Amino acid sequence: MSAFLGPIHYWLYHKIQLQQSIVDELYELEINMVYTLRMSVTVNLAPSKTNRWRK
Protein backbone atom coordinates (compact mmCIF):
# COMPACT_ATOMS: atom_id res chain seq x y z
CA MET A 1 0.00 0.00 0.00
CA SER A 2 2.90 2.35 0.74
CA ALA A 3 4.24 1.83 -2.77
CA PHE A 4 0.86 2.97 -4.10
CA LEU A 5 0.23 5.90 -1.75
CA GLY A 6 3.81 7.19 -1.53
CA PRO A 7 3.90 8.81 -4.99
CA ILE A 8 0.44 10.29 -4.46
CA HIS A 9 1.48 11.89 -1.17
CA TYR A 10 4.70 13.15 -2.73
CA TRP A 11 2.80 14.68 -5.66
CA LEU A 12 0.13 16.19 -3.41
CA TYR A 13 2.71 17.69 -1.04
CA HIS A 14 4.50 19.45 -3.89
CA LYS A 15 1.20 20.62 -5.38
CA ILE A 16 0.26 22.20 -2.04
CA GLN A 17 3.70 23.82 -1.76
CA LEU A 18 3.34 25.30 -5.26
CA GLN A 19 -0.14 26.64 -4.56
CA GLN A 20 1.02 28.16 -1.28
CA SER A 21 3.87 29.96 -3.02
CA ILE A 22 1.42 31.34 -5.60
CA VAL A 23 -0.89 32.57 -2.83
CA ASP A 24 2.05 34.19 -1.02
CA GLU A 25 3.14 36.01 -4.17
CA LEU A 26 -0.40 37.22 -4.86
CA TYR A 27 -0.67 38.46 -1.28
CA GLU A 28 2.58 40.42 -1.59
CA LEU A 29 1.44 41.85 -4.91
CA GLU A 30 -1.85 42.93 -3.36
CA ILE A 31 -0.08 44.64 -0.46
CA ASN A 32 2.15 46.54 -2.88
CA MET A 33 -0.79 47.55 -5.06
CA VAL A 34 -2.83 48.78 -2.09
CA TYR A 35 0.12 50.80 -0.81
CA THR A 36 0.72 52.32 -4.25
CA LEU A 37 -2.95 53.16 -4.69
CA ARG A 38 -3.17 54.70 -1.21
CA MET A 39 -0.12 56.87 -1.87
CA SER A 40 -1.45 57.92 -5.27
CA VAL A 41 -4.81 58.93 -3.81
CA THR A 42 -3.14 60.77 -0.95
CA VAL A 43 -0.86 62.73 -3.27
CA ASN A 44 -3.40 63.48 -6.00
CA LEU A 45 -6.61 63.99 -4.05
CA ALA A 46 -5.49 65.44 -0.74
CA PRO A 47 -6.95 68.89 -0.14
CA SER A 48 -4.41 71.61 -0.70
CA LYS A 49 -3.64 74.17 1.96
CA THR A 50 -4.42 76.98 -0.45
CA ASN A 51 -7.94 75.79 -1.19
CA ARG A 52 -10.02 78.96 -1.11
CA TRP A 53 -13.30 77.13 -0.60
CA ARG A 54 -12.36 75.75 2.79
CA LYS A 55 -12.11 77.92 5.85
PDB file of N, CA and C in Angstrom:
ATOM      1  N   MET A   1       0.826  -1.191   0.000  1.00  0.00           N
ATOM      2  CA  MET A   1       0.000   0.000   0.000  1.00  0.00           C
ATOM      3  C   MET A   1       0.873   1.258   0.000  1.00  0.00           C
ATOM      4  N   SER A   2       1.997   1.209   0.697  1.00  0.00           N
ATOM      5  CA  SER A   2       2.898   2.346   0.738  1.00  0.00           C
ATOM      6  C   SER A   2       3.459   2.653  -0.651  1.00  0.00           C
ATOM      7  N   ALA A   3       3.715   1.617  -1.414  1.00  0.00           N
ATOM      8  CA  ALA A   3       4.236   1.828  -2.768  1.00  0.00           C
ATOM      9  C   ALA A   3       3.198   2.522  -3.643  1.00  0.00           C
ATOM     10  N   PHE A   4       1.928   2.338  -3.336  1.00  0.00           N
ATOM     11  CA  PHE A   4       0.864   2.966  -4.103  1.00  0.00           C
ATOM     12  C   PHE A   4       0.617   4.404  -3.623  1.00  0.00           C
ATOM     13  N   LEU A   5       0.572   4.593  -2.296  1.00  0.00           N
ATOM     14  CA  LEU A   5       0.231   5.905  -1.748  1.00  0.00           C
ATOM     15  C   LEU A   5       1.421   6.859  -1.682  1.00  0.00           C
ATOM     16  N   GLY A   6       2.628   6.334  -1.631  1.00  0.00           N
ATOM     17  CA  GLY A   6       3.812   7.187  -1.529  1.00  0.00           C
ATOM     18  C   GLY A   6       3.900   8.221  -2.639  1.00  0.00           C
ATOM     19  N   PRO A   7       3.828   7.817  -3.912  1.00  0.00           N
ATOM     20  CA  PRO A   7       3.900   8.805  -4.988  1.00  0.00           C
ATOM     21  C   PRO A   7       2.748   9.815  -4.963  1.00  0.00           C
ATOM     22  N   ILE A   8       1.582   9.378  -4.541  1.00  0.00           N
ATOM     23  CA  ILE A   8       0.437  10.293  -4.463  1.00  0.00           C
ATOM     24  C   ILE A   8       0.694  11.349  -3.401  1.00  0.00           C
ATOM     25  N   HIS A   9       1.184  10.945  -2.250  1.00  0.00           N
ATOM     26  CA  HIS A   9       1.476  11.890  -1.169  1.00  0.00           C
ATOM     27  C   HIS A   9       2.589  12.848  -1.591  1.00  0.00           C
ATOM     28  N   TYR A  10       3.597  12.324  -2.253  1.00  0.00           N
ATOM     29  CA  TYR A  10       4.702  13.145  -2.733  1.00  0.00           C
ATOM     30  C   TYR A  10       4.187  14.192  -3.720  1.00  0.00           C
ATOM     31  N   TRP A  11       3.365  13.777  -4.667  1.00  0.00           N
ATOM     32  CA  TRP A  11       2.804  14.682  -5.664  1.00  0.00           C
ATOM     33  C   TRP A  11       1.908  15.730  -4.995  1.00  0.00           C
ATOM     34  N   LEU A  12       1.058  15.282  -4.083  1.00  0.00           N
ATOM     35  CA  LEU A  12       0.135  16.193  -3.415  1.00  0.00           C
ATOM     36  C   LEU A  12       0.879  17.213  -2.559  1.00  0.00           C
ATOM     37  N   TYR A  13       1.924  16.778  -1.864  1.00  0.00           N
ATOM     38  CA  TYR A  13       2.714  17.692  -1.041  1.00  0.00           C
ATOM     39  C   TYR A  13       3.314  18.803  -1.905  1.00  0.00           C
ATOM     40  N   HIS A  14       3.888  18.446  -3.031  1.00  0.00           N
ATOM     41  CA  HIS A  14       4.498  19.450  -3.894  1.00  0.00           C
ATOM     42  C   HIS A  14       3.443  20.345  -4.550  1.00  0.00           C
ATOM     43  N   LYS A  15       2.282  19.794  -4.831  1.00  0.00           N
ATOM     44  CA  LYS A  15       1.203  20.621  -5.379  1.00  0.00           C
ATOM     45  C   LYS A  15       0.764  21.663  -4.347  1.00  0.00           C
ATOM     46  N   ILE A  16       0.646  21.270  -3.104  1.00  0.00           N
ATOM     47  CA  ILE A  16       0.260  22.202  -2.039  1.00  0.00           C
ATOM     48  C   ILE A  16       1.335  23.266  -1.858  1.00  0.00           C
ATOM     49  N   GLN A  17       2.607  22.855  -1.898  1.00  0.00           N
ATOM     50  CA  GLN A  17       3.700  23.824  -1.765  1.00  0.00           C
ATOM     51  C   GLN A  17       3.664  24.856  -2.900  1.00  0.00           C
ATOM     52  N   LEU A  18       3.412  24.403  -4.111  1.00  0.00           N
ATOM     53  CA  LEU A  18       3.338  25.304  -5.261  1.00  0.00           C
ATOM     54  C   LEU A  18       2.170  26.280  -5.115  1.00  0.00           C
ATOM     55  N   GLN A  19       1.020  25.770  -4.724  1.00  0.00           N
ATOM     56  CA  GLN A  19      -0.144  26.636  -4.559  1.00  0.00           C
ATOM     57  C   GLN A  19       0.081  27.650  -3.441  1.00  0.00           C
ATOM     58  N   GLN A  20       0.739  27.246  -2.373  1.00  0.00           N
ATOM     59  CA  GLN A  20       1.016  28.165  -1.276  1.00  0.00           C
ATOM     60  C   GLN A  20       1.971  29.272  -1.720  1.00  0.00           C
ATOM     61  N   SER A  21       2.949  28.922  -2.530  1.00  0.00           N
ATOM     62  CA  SER A  21       3.873  29.956  -3.018  1.00  0.00           C
ATOM     63  C   SER A  21       3.151  30.939  -3.941  1.00  0.00           C
ATOM     64  N   ILE A  22       2.212  30.453  -4.737  1.00  0.00           N
ATOM     65  CA  ILE A  22       1.417  31.336  -5.598  1.00  0.00           C
ATOM     66  C   ILE A  22       0.564  32.275  -4.752  1.00  0.00           C
ATOM     67  N   VAL A  23      -0.067  31.744  -3.719  1.00  0.00           N
ATOM     68  CA  VAL A  23      -0.890  32.568  -2.827  1.00  0.00           C
ATOM     69  C   VAL A  23      -0.028  33.612  -2.133  1.00  0.00           C
ATOM     70  N   ASP A  24       1.160  33.230  -1.682  1.00  0.00           N
ATOM     71  CA  ASP A  24       2.054  34.188  -1.024  1.00  0.00           C
ATOM     72  C   ASP A  24       2.459  35.309  -1.969  1.00  0.00           C
ATOM     73  N   GLU A  25       2.764  34.985  -3.204  1.00  0.00           N
ATOM     74  CA  GLU A  25       3.139  36.006  -4.173  1.00  0.00           C
ATOM     75  C   GLU A  25       1.974  36.936  -4.487  1.00  0.00           C
ATOM     76  N   LEU A  26       0.772  36.382  -4.615  1.00  0.00           N
ATOM     77  CA  LEU A  26      -0.405  37.223  -4.860  1.00  0.00           C
ATOM     78  C   LEU A  26      -0.671  38.148  -3.679  1.00  0.00           C
ATOM     79  N   TYR A  27      -0.470  37.648  -2.475  1.00  0.00           N
ATOM     80  CA  TYR A  27      -0.670  38.463  -1.278  1.00  0.00           C
ATOM     81  C   TYR A  27       0.316  39.624  -1.253  1.00  0.00           C
ATOM     82  N   GLU A  28       1.584  39.357  -1.544  1.00  0.00           N
ATOM     83  CA  GLU A  28       2.583  40.422  -1.590  1.00  0.00           C
ATOM     84  C   GLU A  28       2.254  41.438  -2.682  1.00  0.00           C
ATOM     85  N   LEU A  29       1.814  40.955  -3.822  1.00  0.00           N
ATOM     86  CA  LEU A  29       1.436  41.847  -4.909  1.00  0.00           C
ATOM     87  C   LEU A  29       0.272  42.737  -4.502  1.00  0.00           C
ATOM     88  N   GLU A  30      -0.702  42.162  -3.814  1.00  0.00           N
ATOM     89  CA  GLU A  30      -1.855  42.935  -3.357  1.00  0.00           C
ATOM     90  C   GLU A  30      -1.427  44.004  -2.365  1.00  0.00           C
ATOM     91  N   ILE A  31      -0.551  43.661  -1.442  1.00  0.00           N
ATOM     92  CA  ILE A  31      -0.082  44.641  -0.461  1.00  0.00           C
ATOM     93  C   ILE A  31       0.607  45.798  -1.169  1.00  0.00           C
ATOM     94  N   ASN A  32       1.448  45.490  -2.146  1.00  0.00           N
ATOM     95  CA  ASN A  32       2.149  46.544  -2.879  1.00  0.00           C
ATOM     96  C   ASN A  32       1.180  47.403  -3.678  1.00  0.00           C
ATOM     97  N   MET A  33       0.175  46.787  -4.277  1.00  0.00           N
ATOM     98  CA  MET A  33      -0.791  47.549  -5.061  1.00  0.00           C
ATOM     99  C   MET A  33      -1.631  48.461  -4.168  1.00  0.00           C
ATOM    100  N   VAL A  34      -2.036  47.960  -3.013  1.00  0.00           N
ATOM    101  CA  VAL A  34      -2.831  48.780  -2.092  1.00  0.00           C
ATOM    102  C   VAL A  34      -2.002  49.954  -1.599  1.00  0.00           C
ATOM    103  N   TYR A  35      -0.746  49.712  -1.266  1.00  0.00           N
ATOM    104  CA  TYR A  35       0.120  50.800  -0.810  1.00  0.00           C
ATOM    105  C   TYR A  35       0.298  51.848  -1.904  1.00  0.00           C
ATOM    106  N   THR A  36       0.543  51.397  -3.133  1.00  0.00           N
ATOM    107  CA  THR A  36       0.722  52.319  -4.249  1.00  0.00           C
ATOM    108  C   THR A  36      -0.546  53.124  -4.507  1.00  0.00           C
ATOM    109  N   LEU A  37      -1.685  52.466  -4.477  1.00  0.00           N
ATOM    110  CA  LEU A  37      -2.954  53.162  -4.689  1.00  0.00           C
ATOM    111  C   LEU A  37      -3.206  54.169  -3.584  1.00  0.00           C
ATOM    112  N   ARG A  38      -2.951  53.790  -2.348  1.00  0.00           N
ATOM    113  CA  ARG A  38      -3.169  54.701  -1.214  1.00  0.00           C
ATOM    114  C   ARG A  38      -2.276  55.936  -1.338  1.00  0.00           C
ATOM    115  N   MET A  39      -1.018  55.734  -1.713  1.00  0.00           N
ATOM    116  CA  MET A  39      -0.120  56.869  -1.868  1.00  0.00           C
ATOM    117  C   MET A  39      -0.552  57.760  -3.036  1.00  0.00           C
ATOM    118  N   SER A  40      -0.997  57.154  -4.113  1.00  0.00           N
ATOM    119  CA  SER A  40      -1.450  57.919  -5.266  1.00  0.00           C
ATOM    120  C   SER A  40      -2.666  58.770  -4.917  1.00  0.00           C
ATOM    121  N   VAL A  41      -3.609  58.185  -4.215  1.00  0.00           N
ATOM    122  CA  VAL A  41      -4.810  58.926  -3.812  1.00  0.00           C
ATOM    123  C   VAL A  41      -4.437  60.042  -2.849  1.00  0.00           C
ATOM    124  N   THR A  42      -3.555  59.761  -1.921  1.00  0.00           N
ATOM    125  CA  THR A  42      -3.144  60.771  -0.950  1.00  0.00           C
ATOM    126  C   THR A  42      -2.470  61.950  -1.638  1.00  0.00           C
ATOM    127  N   VAL A  43      -1.604  61.662  -2.583  1.00  0.00           N
ATOM    128  CA  VAL A  43      -0.864  62.730  -3.265  1.00  0.00           C
ATOM    129  C   VAL A  43      -1.775  63.506  -4.206  1.00  0.00           C
ATOM    130  N   ASN A  44      -2.609  62.822  -4.955  1.00  0.00           N
ATOM    131  CA  ASN A  44      -3.401  63.481  -5.996  1.00  0.00           C
ATOM    132  C   ASN A  44      -4.717  64.070  -5.510  1.00  0.00           C
ATOM    133  N   LEU A  45      -5.291  63.533  -4.457  1.00  0.00           N
ATOM    134  CA  LEU A  45      -6.614  63.988  -4.052  1.00  0.00           C
ATOM    135  C   LEU A  45      -6.652  64.654  -2.678  1.00  0.00           C
ATOM    136  N   ALA A  46      -5.507  64.784  -2.051  1.00  0.00           N
ATOM    137  CA  ALA A  46      -5.488  65.441  -0.743  1.00  0.00           C
ATOM    138  C   ALA A  46      -5.832  66.910  -0.918  1.00  0.00           C
ATOM    139  N   PRO A  47      -6.610  67.469  -0.010  1.00  0.00           N
ATOM    140  CA  PRO A  47      -6.948  68.893  -0.143  1.00  0.00           C
ATOM    141  C   PRO A  47      -5.692  69.737   0.038  1.00  0.00           C
ATOM    142  N   SER A  48      -5.581  70.736  -0.792  1.00  0.00           N
ATOM    143  CA  SER A  48      -4.407  71.612  -0.698  1.00  0.00           C
ATOM    144  C   SER A  48      -4.634  72.637   0.401  1.00  0.00           C
ATOM    145  N   LYS A  49      -3.553  73.175   0.895  1.00  0.00           N
ATOM    146  CA  LYS A  49      -3.644  74.172   1.961  1.00  0.00           C
ATOM    147  C   LYS A  49      -4.110  75.518   1.434  1.00  0.00           C
ATOM    148  N   THR A  50      -4.015  75.701   0.128  1.00  0.00           N
ATOM    149  CA  THR A  50      -4.423  76.985  -0.455  1.00  0.00           C
ATOM    150  C   THR A  50      -5.824  76.913  -1.058  1.00  0.00           C
ATOM    151  N   ASN A  51      -6.587  75.921  -0.663  1.00  0.00           N
ATOM    152  CA  ASN A  51      -7.938  75.787  -1.195  1.00  0.00           C
ATOM    153  C   ASN A  51      -8.796  76.937  -0.666  1.00  0.00           C
ATOM    154  N   ARG A  52      -9.273  77.781  -1.549  1.00  0.00           N
ATOM    155  CA  ARG A  52     -10.018  78.962  -1.109  1.00  0.00           C
ATOM    156  C   ARG A  52     -11.442  78.654  -0.676  1.00  0.00           C
ATOM    157  N   TRP A  53     -11.929  77.467  -0.962  1.00  0.00           N
ATOM    158  CA  TRP A  53     -13.305  77.134  -0.601  1.00  0.00           C
ATOM    159  C   TRP A  53     -13.411  76.611   0.814  1.00  0.00           C
ATOM    160  N   ARG A  54     -12.338  76.225   1.401  1.00  0.00           N
ATOM    161  CA  ARG A  54     -12.359  75.747   2.790  1.00  0.00           C
ATOM    162  C   ARG A  54     -11.939  76.875   3.719  1.00  0.00           C
ATOM    163  N   LYS A  55     -12.484  76.910   4.869  1.00  0.00           N
ATOM    164  CA  LYS A  55     -12.114  77.921   5.853  1.00  0.00           C
ATOM    165  C   LYS A  55     -11.316  77.322   6.965  1.00  0.00           C
TER     166      LYS A  55
END
